[in-house]
Amino acid sequence: MGAMDTQGAATSAAESSAEDAAERRDLAVRAAVEQGLVGGSDTADPLTCLLDVAGIRASAAALTSAFDGAVAPGTPVLHAFAVKAAPLVPVLRLLADAGLGCEVASPGELALARAAGVPAGRTVLDSPAKTVAELREALALGIAVNADNPQELERLDALVGRAPTASPIGVRINPQTGGGAIDALSTATSTSKFGVALRDPGARAWLVRAYLDRPWLTRLHIHSGSQGVPLALIAEGVRDLHALAEEINAAAGQRRVDTLDIGGGLPVNFASDEPAPTYAQYVAALREAVPALFDGSYGLVTEFGRSLLAKHGLVLARVEYTKTSGSRPIALTHAGVQVATRTAYAPAAWPVRILPYDAKGAPKTGDPVAQDIAGPACFAGDLLATARELPRLAPGDLIGVPDTGAYFFTAHYGYNSLPRPAVHGFTLTASGEVRFHLVRPAQDVPSIVAEAGGPLRDALLPASPAFEARGSGRSPGL
């Protein structure tokens, strides 16, 4: 089968997959209402979030198969899921079962990966501000580490000198190839905070020397992609990474760099159910830009996050009230900035679709009416959509917000002390029955109080023993 035929087959499969996913989603919404997970009953929550387990597995399979079909036989490839995209232990466990590892960027994310049972050898630590303690822990565990800058490399010099480690270690570079449509997410601009700026004066020579002086440096890392970045620009960064590895190995006279961590950042289509671009299209772009990447000379690591989870998440919220202001209809719902933070603060960059359902969970039909979809938070910008053409919503109806499986409800924002909603994975039995699996329980009010210092309520009062101890320079209890 030719390249065009392969791409056409992949497109047809993606379209079929999108139709299947939409059908599963509608079945899950109806079942969520029927089973009391969300809706208008006294025991149902006004807000819940769903994850399509079959869809997540399909995304993982699409990623692994795209690379399996491109790399030379025997090439080691690790697909490490970016934990920040969905920091939920059952999700990490599901992806591990599908053959993926984890990319972590904080002690908390590392703890989540370990709780999910992800082995150290399938974990990668990236962060621009790692502490000595974080580095020491990673090296002791044998976790791969990508150093962000020369000062961090000096810390690693000292740590590696004191204790041998099994950790593969590399350096992150910034290819300075340019940004995409969303400035805040563009990691390869000329002034990006990430990595060693490859095109700055003297940087390339410094990098080559750094590898020649440190035989334990065996990897190179880049992350040039993200939402709003076109495939060609992502591929250009990977091409520069490969060229630098070749230069280092030539200077060393041996294969010093043996693995290229090419990051992730495949954009997601938020305009429809179709997954685009696909992993097959991503690999095709890489093969065109740097064909030698797949010849087996280097092991490969990827760090995808949003593209694996986004299409398989759904926020489901009850319409509590409807009103009209300035002749515009407004639906007041329980989903807003706490589950769609980026949309509330940057709606032009992060528009979401709104799927209307009636109170029984069936897709709602009717003549479209321009209406605002508002959240529960007490600020004017807490809107999911403005003047959106939808069937006229009424109290008790539901709105679904698809494509929210990464960076939306998975990363809660506690504005107005709004609670974290429950997250349920769902699967379909052979007979079409929807089964829900609790991934994260809804946050209760007592836990909100506890997080806000409830047990320490008198800590700032002069009569408090803790306050007096601090004022005298003594520790409480001494």
Protein backbone atom coordinates (compact mmCIF):
# COMPACT_ATOMS: atom_id res chain seq x y z
CA MET A 1 0.00 0.00 0.00
CA GLY A 2 1.41 3.43 -0.98
CA ALA A 3 1.83 6.39 1.34
CA MET A 4 -1.32 8.09 0.02
CA ASP A 5 -3.31 4.86 0.36
CA THR A 6 -2.04 4.39 3.91
CA GLN A 7 -2.98 7.94 4.85
CA GLY A 8 -6.42 7.52 3.26
CA ALA A 9 -7.02 4.32 5.19
CA ALA A 10 -5.96 6.03 8.41
CA THR A 11 -8.36 8.91 7.71
CA SER A 12 -11.26 6.53 7.06
CA ALA A 13 -10.48 4.64 10.27
CA ALA A 14 -10.35 7.92 12.22
CA GLU A 15 -13.73 9.00 10.86
CA SER A 16 -15.26 5.64 11.76
CA SER A 17 -13.70 5.87 15.20
CA ALA A 18 -15.16 9.37 15.68
CA GLU A 19 -18.65 8.13 14.81
CA ASP A 20 -18.32 5.23 17.24
CA ALA A 21 -17.07 7.57 19.96
CA ALA A 22 -20.00 9.96 19.46
CA GLU A 23 -22.43 7.06 19.72
CA ARG A 24 -20.78 5.80 22.93
CA ARG A 25 -20.87 9.33 24.34
CA ASP A 26 -24.64 9.70 23.82
CA LEU A 27 -25.27 6.29 25.36
CA ALA A 28 -23.14 7.27 28.35
CA VAL A 29 -24.99 10.55 28.87
CA ARG A 30 -28.37 8.82 28.96
CA ALA A 31 -27.01 6.13 31.28
CA ALA A 32 -25.45 8.74 33.59
CA VAL A 33 -28.89 10.29 34.07
CA GLU A 34 -30.64 6.94 34.44
CA GLN A 35 -28.09 5.72 36.98
CA GLY A 36 -28.24 8.95 38.99
CA LEU A 37 -24.70 10.20 38.35
CA VAL A 38 -25.96 13.57 37.15
CA GLY A 39 -29.28 15.30 36.63
CA GLY A 40 -32.19 16.71 38.55
CA SER A 41 -32.87 14.02 41.15
CA ASP A 42 -32.17 14.74 44.82
CA THR A 43 -29.26 12.30 44.90
CA ALA A 44 -27.70 13.18 41.53
CA ASP A 45 -24.82 15.62 41.21
CA PRO A 46 -25.38 18.74 39.10
CA LEU A 47 -21.96 18.21 37.50
CA THR A 48 -19.96 15.13 36.63
CA CYS A 49 -17.21 14.21 34.19
CA LEU A 50 -16.86 11.16 31.99
CA LEU A 51 -13.94 9.38 30.37
CA ASP A 52 -14.38 6.95 27.47
CA VAL A 53 -12.14 3.98 28.30
CA ALA A 54 -12.41 2.45 24.81
CA GLY A 55 -11.49 5.78 23.25
CA ILE A 56 -8.41 6.16 25.43
CA ARG A 57 -7.25 2.67 24.50
CA ALA A 58 -7.85 3.43 20.82
CA SER A 59 -5.70 6.58 21.04
CA ALA A 60 -2.88 4.67 22.70
CA ALA A 61 -3.08 1.99 20.01
CA ALA A 62 -3.05 4.60 17.24
CA LEU A 63 0.11 6.15 18.68
CA THR A 64 2.01 2.91 19.12
CA SER A 65 0.98 1.51 15.74
CA ALA A 66 1.98 4.70 13.91
CA PHE A 67 5.53 4.41 15.25
CA ASP A 68 5.68 0.61 14.98
CA GLY A 69 4.97 0.97 11.28
CA ALA A 70 7.75 3.52 10.80
CA VAL A 71 10.77 2.57 12.90
CA ALA A 72 13.36 -0.01 11.95
CA PRO A 73 12.82 -3.40 13.61
CA GLY A 74 14.37 -3.58 17.07
CA THR A 75 14.36 0.18 17.67
CA PRO A 76 13.54 0.89 21.33
CA VAL A 77 10.57 3.27 21.56
CA LEU A 78 9.01 4.57 24.77
CA HIS A 79 5.77 6.53 24.65
CA ALA A 80 5.65 8.42 27.95
CA PHE A 81 2.28 10.03 28.71
CA ALA A 82 2.54 13.63 29.94
CA VAL A 83 0.99 13.26 33.39
CA LYS A 84 0.10 16.97 33.62
CA ALA A 85 -2.54 16.42 30.94
CA ALA A 86 -4.58 14.06 33.15
CA PRO A 87 -3.10 13.56 36.63
CA LEU A 88 -5.42 10.72 37.60
CA VAL A 89 -3.90 7.47 38.87
CA PRO A 90 -6.47 5.14 37.23
CA VAL A 91 -5.85 6.88 33.89
CA LEU A 92 -2.09 6.39 34.23
CA ARG A 93 -2.71 2.76 35.12
CA LEU A 94 -4.92 2.31 32.06
CA LEU A 95 -2.29 3.81 29.79
CA ALA A 96 0.43 1.68 31.36
CA ASP A 97 -1.70 -1.37 30.62
CA ALA A 98 -1.84 -0.11 27.02
CA GLY A 99 1.97 -0.03 26.88
CA LEU A 100 2.74 3.59 27.78
CA GLY A 101 5.03 5.07 30.40
CA CYS A 102 4.91 8.47 32.11
CA GLU A 103 6.55 11.86 31.68
CA VAL A 104 6.51 13.76 34.97
CA ALA A 105 7.40 17.34 35.84
CA SER A 106 7.03 17.55 39.61
CA PRO A 107 7.32 15.42 42.76
CA GLY A 108 3.52 15.14 42.78
CA GLU A 109 3.39 13.80 39.23
CA LEU A 110 6.18 11.34 39.99
CA ALA A 111 4.22 10.12 43.01
CA LEU A 112 1.14 9.62 40.82
CA ALA A 113 3.13 7.62 38.27
CA ARG A 114 4.57 5.43 41.00
CA ALA A 115 1.12 4.96 42.55
CA ALA A 116 -0.07 3.75 39.15
CA GLY A 117 2.70 1.16 39.12
CA VAL A 118 4.68 2.69 36.25
CA PRO A 119 8.26 1.36 36.45
CA ALA A 120 11.15 3.77 36.87
CA GLY A 121 12.59 2.58 33.56
CA ARG A 122 9.44 3.82 31.80
CA THR A 123 9.39 7.22 33.51
CA VAL A 124 10.96 10.49 32.35
CA LEU A 125 11.49 13.57 34.52
CA ASP A 126 11.26 16.97 32.83
CA SER A 127 10.97 20.32 34.57
CA PRO A 128 12.70 23.69 34.21
CA ALA A 129 13.08 24.07 38.00
CA LYS A 130 14.11 20.73 39.50
CA THR A 131 15.47 20.90 43.04
CA VAL A 132 18.52 18.99 44.18
CA ALA A 133 16.22 16.72 46.17
CA GLU A 134 14.12 15.94 43.07
CA LEU A 135 17.22 15.16 41.03
CA ARG A 136 18.68 12.99 43.78
CA GLU A 137 15.45 10.98 44.06
CA ALA A 138 15.21 10.47 40.30
CA LEU A 139 18.81 9.31 40.04
CA ALA A 140 18.36 6.93 42.96
CA LEU A 141 15.28 5.41 41.33
CA GLY A 142 16.83 5.12 37.87
CA ILE A 143 14.36 7.51 36.23
CA ALA A 144 15.41 9.21 33.00
CA VAL A 145 16.26 12.89 33.53
CA ASN A 146 16.38 15.70 30.98
CA ALA A 147 18.42 18.64 32.27
CA ASP A 148 17.00 22.02 31.36
CA ASN A 149 20.03 24.31 31.58
CA PRO A 150 23.78 24.55 32.31
CA GLN A 151 23.27 25.21 36.02
CA GLU A 152 21.18 22.06 36.37
CA LEU A 153 23.86 20.15 34.53
CA GLU A 154 26.37 21.34 37.13
CA ARG A 155 24.11 19.96 39.86
CA LEU A 156 24.01 16.66 38.02
CA ASP A 157 27.82 16.68 37.77
CA ALA A 158 28.00 16.71 41.55
CA LEU A 159 25.26 14.12 42.09
CA VAL A 160 26.55 11.67 39.48
CA GLY A 161 30.06 12.10 40.87
CA ARG A 162 28.91 11.08 44.34
CA ALA A 163 26.77 8.08 43.44
CA PRO A 164 26.54 6.02 40.26
CA THR A 165 23.11 5.93 38.68
CA ALA A 166 21.21 3.83 36.18
CA SER A 167 19.27 6.88 35.03
CA PRO A 168 19.60 7.84 31.36
CA ILE A 169 20.42 11.56 31.34
CA GLY A 170 20.04 14.11 28.58
CA VAL A 171 19.77 17.83 27.94
CA ARG A 172 16.72 19.66 26.66
CA ILE A 173 17.30 22.06 23.79
CA ASN A 174 15.17 24.86 22.47
CA PRO A 175 15.52 24.83 18.68
CA GLN A 176 14.12 28.39 18.50
CA THR A 177 12.11 27.43 15.44
CA GLY A 178 9.22 29.73 16.33
CA GLY A 179 5.84 29.75 18.00
CA GLY A 180 2.36 28.68 17.01
CA ALA A 181 -1.03 30.31 17.30
CA ILE A 182 -1.08 30.33 21.13
CA ASP A 183 1.82 32.30 22.59
CA ALA A 184 1.46 30.90 26.11
CA LEU A 185 1.94 27.34 24.84
CA SER A 186 4.73 27.92 22.34
CA THR A 187 7.86 26.31 23.74
CA ALA A 188 10.28 26.84 20.84
CA THR A 189 10.29 30.63 20.54
CA SER A 190 13.54 32.60 20.57
CA THR A 191 13.02 33.53 24.24
CA SER A 192 11.31 30.39 25.56
CA LYS A 193 12.04 29.55 29.19
CA PHE A 194 12.65 25.89 28.30
CA GLY A 195 15.95 24.24 27.44
CA VAL A 196 19.25 25.45 26.06
CA ALA A 197 18.63 27.98 23.28
CA LEU A 198 20.31 26.25 20.33
CA ARG A 199 20.72 29.31 18.10
CA ASP A 200 22.11 31.66 20.74
CA PRO A 201 25.78 32.57 20.17
CA GLY A 202 28.08 29.82 21.41
CA ALA A 203 25.27 27.50 22.52
CA ARG A 204 25.82 24.77 19.95
CA ALA A 205 29.56 24.55 20.66
CA TRP A 206 28.85 24.50 24.41
CA LEU A 207 26.42 21.61 23.97
CA VAL A 208 28.88 19.54 21.95
CA ARG A 209 31.59 20.12 24.58
CA ALA A 210 29.16 19.28 27.40
CA TYR A 211 28.57 15.85 25.86
CA LEU A 212 32.21 15.23 25.11
CA ASP A 213 33.08 15.98 28.74
CA ARG A 214 30.33 13.78 30.21
CA PRO A 215 30.17 10.18 28.96
CA TRP A 216 27.00 9.71 31.04
CA LEU A 217 25.06 12.14 28.85
CA THR A 218 23.37 9.82 26.36
CA ARG A 219 20.13 11.56 25.37
CA LEU A 220 18.90 14.72 23.72
CA HIS A 221 15.46 16.17 24.36
CA ILE A 222 13.14 18.59 22.61
CA HIS A 223 9.51 19.63 22.91
CA SER A 224 8.66 21.86 19.98
CA GLY A 225 4.97 21.00 19.63
CA SER A 226 1.80 22.09 21.38
CA GLN A 227 -1.73 23.24 20.66
CA GLY A 228 -1.65 25.76 17.81
CA VAL A 229 1.71 24.57 16.42
CA PRO A 230 1.58 23.13 12.87
CA LEU A 231 3.11 19.75 12.08
CA ALA A 232 5.77 21.23 9.81
CA LEU A 233 7.08 23.43 12.62
CA ILE A 234 7.12 20.53 15.08
CA ALA A 235 9.03 18.43 12.55
CA GLU A 236 11.55 21.21 11.97
CA GLY A 237 12.48 21.16 15.65
CA VAL A 238 12.93 17.37 15.62
CA ARG A 239 15.12 17.69 12.52
CA ASP A 240 17.37 20.13 14.38
CA LEU A 241 17.55 17.75 17.35
CA HIS A 242 18.65 14.88 15.11
CA ALA A 243 21.27 17.05 13.43
CA LEU A 244 22.73 18.03 16.80
CA ALA A 245 22.91 14.38 17.88
CA GLU A 246 24.77 13.52 14.68
CA GLU A 247 27.20 16.39 15.30
CA ILE A 248 27.88 15.29 18.88
CA ASN A 249 28.45 11.68 17.88
CA ALA A 250 30.76 12.70 15.05
CA ALA A 251 32.77 14.89 17.42
CA ALA A 252 32.99 12.06 19.95
CA GLY A 253 34.00 9.56 17.29
CA GLN A 254 31.45 7.13 18.66
CA ARG A 255 27.73 6.80 19.34
CA ARG A 256 27.58 8.92 22.50
CA VAL A 257 23.95 10.03 22.07
CA ASP A 258 21.83 6.91 21.70
CA THR A 259 18.27 8.16 22.35
CA LEU A 260 16.24 11.13 21.12
CA ASP A 261 13.35 12.33 23.25
CA ILE A 262 11.21 14.19 20.70
CA GLY A 263 8.51 15.35 23.13
CA GLY A 264 4.86 15.57 22.22
CA GLY A 265 2.45 18.41 21.61
CA LEU A 266 0.31 17.03 18.79
CA PRO A 267 -2.54 19.56 18.37
CA VAL A 268 -6.14 18.53 18.98
CA ASN A 269 -9.16 19.37 16.84
CA PHE A 270 -11.72 21.06 19.12
CA ALA A 271 -14.10 21.89 16.27
CA SER A 272 -15.57 18.43 15.66
CA ASP A 273 -15.39 14.81 16.78
CA GLU A 274 -12.79 13.97 14.14
CA PRO A 275 -9.27 13.41 15.55
CA ALA A 276 -6.98 15.62 13.48
CA PRO A 277 -4.12 15.62 12.92
CA THR A 278 -3.60 11.92 13.49
CA TYR A 279 -0.51 10.17 14.80
CA ALA A 280 -0.05 8.68 11.33
CA GLN A 281 0.05 12.19 9.86
CA TYR A 282 2.51 13.26 12.56
CA VAL A 283 4.84 10.36 11.75
CA ALA A 284 4.52 11.11 8.03
CA ALA A 285 5.60 14.71 8.67
CA LEU A 286 8.62 13.50 10.63
CA ARG A 287 9.58 11.00 7.93
CA GLU A 288 9.49 13.75 5.34
CA ALA A 289 11.52 16.21 7.43
CA VAL A 290 14.07 13.81 8.92
CA PRO A 291 13.85 10.30 7.41
CA ALA A 292 16.95 9.10 9.28
CA LEU A 293 15.07 9.47 12.56
CA PHE A 294 13.49 6.05 11.99
CA ASP A 295 16.48 4.09 10.69
CA GLY A 296 17.31 2.52 14.04
CA SER A 297 20.32 4.69 14.84
CA TYR A 298 18.53 6.15 17.86
CA GLY A 299 16.04 4.95 20.38
CA LEU A 300 12.99 7.22 20.57
CA VAL A 301 10.93 8.69 23.39
CA THR A 302 7.67 10.61 22.94
CA GLU A 303 5.75 12.66 25.51
CA PHE A 304 2.18 13.07 24.27
CA GLY A 305 -0.58 14.21 26.60
CA ARG A 306 -3.50 16.24 25.25
CA SER A 307 -3.80 14.24 22.02
CA LEU A 308 -4.18 10.97 23.91
CA LEU A 309 -6.94 12.09 26.30
CA ALA A 310 -8.73 15.23 25.11
CA LYS A 311 -11.23 13.65 22.71
CA HIS A 312 -12.32 11.09 25.31
CA GLY A 313 -13.49 13.39 28.10
CA LEU A 314 -16.92 14.95 28.61
CA VAL A 315 -18.10 17.50 31.14
CA LEU A 316 -21.78 16.96 31.87
CA ALA A 317 -23.64 19.71 33.75
CA ARG A 318 -27.20 20.55 34.68
CA VAL A 319 -28.81 23.78 33.56
CA GLU A 320 -29.95 25.29 36.85
CA TYR A 321 -31.63 28.45 35.59
CA THR A 322 -32.26 30.33 32.36
CA LYS A 323 -32.74 34.07 32.01
CA THR A 324 -32.53 36.90 29.50
CA SER A 325 -30.24 39.90 29.79
CA GLY A 326 -30.14 42.62 27.14
CA SER A 327 -32.40 40.36 25.07
CA ARG A 328 -29.78 37.59 25.11
CA PRO A 329 -30.83 34.21 26.58
CA ILE A 330 -28.43 32.86 29.20
CA ALA A 331 -28.25 29.31 30.54
CA LEU A 332 -26.71 29.17 34.01
CA THR A 333 -24.99 25.83 34.50
CA HIS A 334 -22.69 24.16 37.00
CA ALA A 335 -19.75 23.92 34.57
CA GLY A 336 -17.47 26.90 34.23
CA VAL A 337 -14.02 28.15 35.11
CA GLN A 338 -13.40 25.37 37.65
CA VAL A 339 -13.42 22.71 34.90
CA ALA A 340 -12.63 24.82 31.82
CA THR A 341 -10.17 27.40 33.12
CA ARG A 342 -8.45 28.16 29.85
CA THR A 343 -11.75 28.66 28.05
CA ALA A 344 -12.99 31.14 30.66
CA TYR A 345 -9.82 33.22 30.61
CA ALA A 346 -8.81 32.82 26.95
CA PRO A 347 -11.99 31.93 25.02
CA ALA A 348 -10.56 32.82 21.61
CA ALA A 349 -7.69 30.37 22.03
CA TRP A 350 -9.71 27.64 23.76
CA PRO A 351 -13.24 27.52 22.31
CA VAL A 352 -15.32 24.48 23.27
CA ARG A 353 -18.30 22.79 21.71
CA ILE A 354 -21.58 22.62 23.61
CA LEU A 355 -23.77 19.53 23.19
CA PRO A 356 -27.36 20.04 24.39
CA TYR A 357 -29.28 17.21 26.09
CA ASP A 358 -32.71 17.12 27.65
CA ALA A 359 -33.36 16.22 31.26
CA LYS A 360 -33.45 12.49 30.40
CA GLY A 361 -30.05 12.62 28.70
CA ALA A 362 -31.30 12.47 25.10
CA PRO A 363 -29.79 14.85 22.51
CA LYS A 364 -31.96 17.96 22.44
CA THR A 365 -33.41 19.18 19.18
CA GLY A 366 -35.24 22.32 18.14
CA ASP A 367 -34.74 25.60 16.37
CA PRO A 368 -31.35 27.13 17.22
CA VAL A 369 -31.28 30.22 19.39
CA ALA A 370 -28.18 32.31 20.14
CA GLN A 371 -27.56 31.98 23.87
CA ASP A 372 -24.75 32.25 26.39
CA ILE A 373 -23.65 29.20 28.36
CA ALA A 374 -22.51 30.45 31.74
CA GLY A 375 -20.81 28.80 34.69
CA PRO A 376 -21.42 29.12 38.44
CA ALA A 377 -18.46 31.32 39.39
CA CYS A 378 -18.88 34.90 40.55
CA PHE A 379 -17.14 36.78 37.76
CA ALA A 380 -18.51 37.99 34.44
CA GLY A 381 -16.10 36.04 32.28
CA ASP A 382 -17.21 32.66 33.57
CA LEU A 383 -18.66 31.65 30.21
CA LEU A 384 -18.23 28.48 28.20
CA ALA A 385 -19.81 29.98 25.07
CA THR A 386 -21.21 33.33 23.95
CA ALA A 387 -24.15 33.70 21.58
CA ARG A 388 -23.91 30.01 20.72
CA GLU A 389 -26.63 28.72 18.36
CA LEU A 390 -28.33 25.87 20.22
CA PRO A 391 -31.85 24.59 20.83
CA ARG A 392 -33.35 26.78 23.56
CA LEU A 393 -32.18 25.37 26.88
CA ALA A 394 -34.45 25.09 29.91
CA PRO A 395 -33.86 24.37 33.61
CA GLY A 396 -33.16 20.70 34.13
CA ASP A 397 -31.59 20.21 30.72
CA LEU A 398 -27.96 19.14 30.47
CA ILE A 399 -25.02 20.50 28.55
CA GLY A 400 -22.12 18.34 27.49
CA VAL A 401 -18.67 19.81 26.85
CA PRO A 402 -16.66 17.31 24.78
CA ASP A 403 -12.90 17.15 24.15
CA THR A 404 -12.21 17.91 27.81
CA GLY A 405 -10.28 14.79 28.82
CA ALA A 406 -6.98 16.67 29.13
CA TYR A 407 -6.22 19.90 31.00
CA PHE A 408 -9.91 20.68 31.63
CA PHE A 409 -11.70 18.87 34.47
CA THR A 410 -8.57 16.82 35.15
CA ALA A 411 -6.84 19.97 36.45
CA HIS A 412 -9.38 21.57 38.78
CA TYR A 413 -9.32 25.31 39.52
CA GLY A 414 -10.74 26.13 42.95
CA TYR A 415 -12.38 29.47 42.21
CA ASN A 416 -15.19 30.27 44.72
CA SER A 417 -14.16 27.08 46.56
CA LEU A 418 -16.16 25.14 44.00
CA PRO A 419 -15.65 21.40 44.61
CA ARG A 420 -13.81 19.06 42.31
CA PRO A 421 -16.41 17.05 40.39
CA ALA A 422 -16.48 13.28 40.28
CA VAL A 423 -14.81 11.61 37.31
CA HIS A 424 -16.19 8.33 35.99
CA GLY A 425 -14.72 6.14 33.30
CA PHE A 426 -17.27 4.29 31.23
CA THR A 427 -17.28 1.09 29.21
CA LEU A 428 -19.88 -0.71 27.13
CA THR A 429 -20.68 -4.37 27.52
CA ALA A 430 -21.26 -6.62 24.52
CA SER A 431 -25.00 -6.08 24.97
CA GLY A 432 -24.59 -2.28 24.90
CA GLU A 433 -24.99 -1.69 28.64
CA VAL A 434 -23.01 1.30 29.95
CA ARG A 435 -20.96 0.63 33.06
CA PHE A 436 -19.35 3.39 35.07
CA HIS A 437 -16.11 3.13 37.03
CA LEU A 438 -15.25 5.78 39.61
CA VAL A 439 -11.90 7.39 38.79
CA ARG A 440 -12.00 10.31 41.24
CA PRO A 441 -14.74 10.93 43.82
CA ALA A 442 -16.47 14.28 44.05
CA GLN A 443 -14.89 16.56 46.62
CA ASP A 444 -17.03 17.10 49.70
CA VAL A 445 -17.41 20.33 51.62
CA PRO A 446 -15.48 19.19 54.74
CA SER A 447 -12.40 18.51 52.60
CA ILE A 448 -12.64 22.01 51.12
CA VAL A 449 -12.69 23.42 54.66
CA ALA A 450 -9.72 21.25 55.65
CA GLU A 451 -7.67 22.36 52.65
CA ALA A 452 -8.46 25.97 53.53
CA GLY A 453 -6.93 25.61 57.00
CA GLY A 454 -10.11 24.77 58.89
CA PRO A 455 -8.31 22.79 61.61
CA LEU A 456 -6.00 25.80 62.10
CA ARG A 457 -8.70 28.43 62.37
CA ASP A 458 -7.19 30.16 65.44
CA ALA A 459 -3.62 30.10 64.13
CA LEU A 460 -3.48 33.86 63.50
CA LEU A 461 -5.15 34.97 66.71
CA PRO A 462 -2.95 36.36 69.52
CA ALA A 463 -4.46 33.89 71.98
CA SER A 464 -3.37 30.93 69.89
CA PRO A 465 -0.52 28.85 71.41
CA ALA A 466 0.91 28.42 67.92
CA PHE A 467 0.85 32.19 67.38
CA GLU A 468 2.59 32.86 70.71
CA ALA A 469 5.23 30.23 70.01
CA ARG A 470 6.07 31.73 66.65
CA GLY A 471 6.25 35.23 68.11
CA SER A 472 8.77 34.12 70.73
CA GLY A 473 10.84 32.19 68.23
CA ARG A 474 9.95 28.92 69.93
CA SER A 475 8.43 25.94 68.19
CA PRO A 476 4.91 25.01 69.34
CA GLY A 477 5.05 22.50 72.18
CA LEU A 478 8.55 23.46 73.36
